[in-house]
Amino acid sequence: MPHPIEILKRIHRLAPGQIATIASHMHETRMQRGDTIDGNSRLRNTSYYIVKGAARAYYTKDLSLIHI
C-alpha cells in the first residue's frame, strides 16, 4: 500500500515545500486491537490513515468514541 504522501502527490499538484510541510506533521502510530480514540480530545484535530486492519466508529451519548 502506498504511503499517504504518495497518494496525495497523485491527487494534488503539491510543491516540494508543501509536501515537506505535510510530512513534518505526520507520524506513524501503532495501535492494538481494542484501543480507543477519544473523539472529544484527539479526533477533532487529527487525521488517521489505516495501513493495516480496520476501525469501527461508535457514537456514544457524548459522540466521542472510536474503537480500533
Protein backbone atom coordinates (compact mmCIF):
# COMPACT_ATOMS: atom_id res chain seq x y z
CA MET A 1 0.00 0.00 0.00
CA PRO A 2 1.45 3.40 -0.93
CA HIS A 3 2.39 5.91 1.71
CA PRO A 4 -0.22 8.67 2.28
CA ILE A 5 2.18 11.27 0.85
CA GLU A 6 2.38 9.30 -2.40
CA ILE A 7 -1.41 9.22 -2.60
CA LEU A 8 -1.59 13.00 -2.04
CA LYS A 9 1.01 13.56 -4.77
CA ARG A 10 -1.11 11.58 -7.25
CA ILE A 11 -4.26 13.57 -6.45
CA HIS A 12 -2.85 17.08 -5.94
CA ARG A 13 -0.08 19.07 -7.56
CA LEU A 14 1.95 19.89 -4.49
CA ALA A 15 5.19 21.83 -4.43
CA PRO A 16 8.13 20.18 -2.64
CA GLY A 17 7.78 22.68 0.21
CA GLN A 18 4.13 21.77 0.67
CA ILE A 19 4.98 18.07 0.72
CA ALA A 20 7.68 18.71 3.32
CA THR A 21 5.22 20.66 5.49
CA ILE A 22 2.63 17.88 5.34
CA ALA A 23 5.24 15.20 6.01
CA SER A 24 6.53 17.12 9.04
CA HIS A 25 3.09 16.82 10.64
CA MET A 26 2.74 13.10 10.02
CA HIS A 27 3.92 10.31 12.26
CA GLU A 28 3.16 6.61 12.46
CA THR A 29 1.33 5.29 15.47
CA ARG A 30 0.68 1.62 16.06
CA MET A 31 -2.44 0.70 17.95
CA GLN A 32 -3.52 -2.61 19.40
CA ARG A 33 -6.87 -4.26 18.87
CA GLY A 34 -9.36 -2.81 21.33
CA ASP A 35 -7.62 0.57 21.65
CA THR A 36 -9.90 3.57 21.58
CA ILE A 37 -9.58 7.14 20.35
CA ASP A 38 -11.31 9.75 22.45
CA GLY A 39 -13.15 11.87 19.90
CA ASN A 40 -13.51 14.81 22.24
CA SER A 41 -9.79 15.40 22.60
CA ARG A 42 -7.88 13.80 19.72
CA LEU A 43 -10.20 13.21 16.79
CA ARG A 44 -11.12 16.82 16.06
CA ASN A 45 -7.56 17.89 15.30
CA THR A 46 -6.13 14.63 13.99
CA SER A 47 -6.45 12.57 10.82
CA TYR A 48 -5.89 8.84 10.83
CA TYR A 49 -4.73 6.71 7.89
CA ILE A 50 -5.18 2.99 8.46
CA VAL A 51 -2.44 0.95 6.79
CA LYS A 52 -3.50 -2.47 8.05
CA GLY A 53 -6.62 -3.54 9.89
CA ALA A 54 -9.93 -1.80 10.38
CA ALA A 55 -11.66 0.64 12.68
CA ARG A 56 -15.23 0.85 13.90
CA ALA A 57 -16.87 4.09 14.89
CA TYR A 58 -19.39 4.07 17.69
CA TYR A 59 -21.32 7.15 18.64
CA THR A 60 -21.74 7.25 22.38
CA LYS A 61 -24.02 9.54 24.33
CA ASP A 62 -21.44 12.32 24.07
CA LEU A 63 -20.49 11.39 20.45
CA SER A 64 -16.90 10.64 21.24
CA LEU A 65 -15.68 7.04 20.90
CA ILE A 66 -13.94 5.15 18.11
CA HIS A 67 -12.67 1.58 18.52
CA ILE A 68 -9.66 0.24 16.64
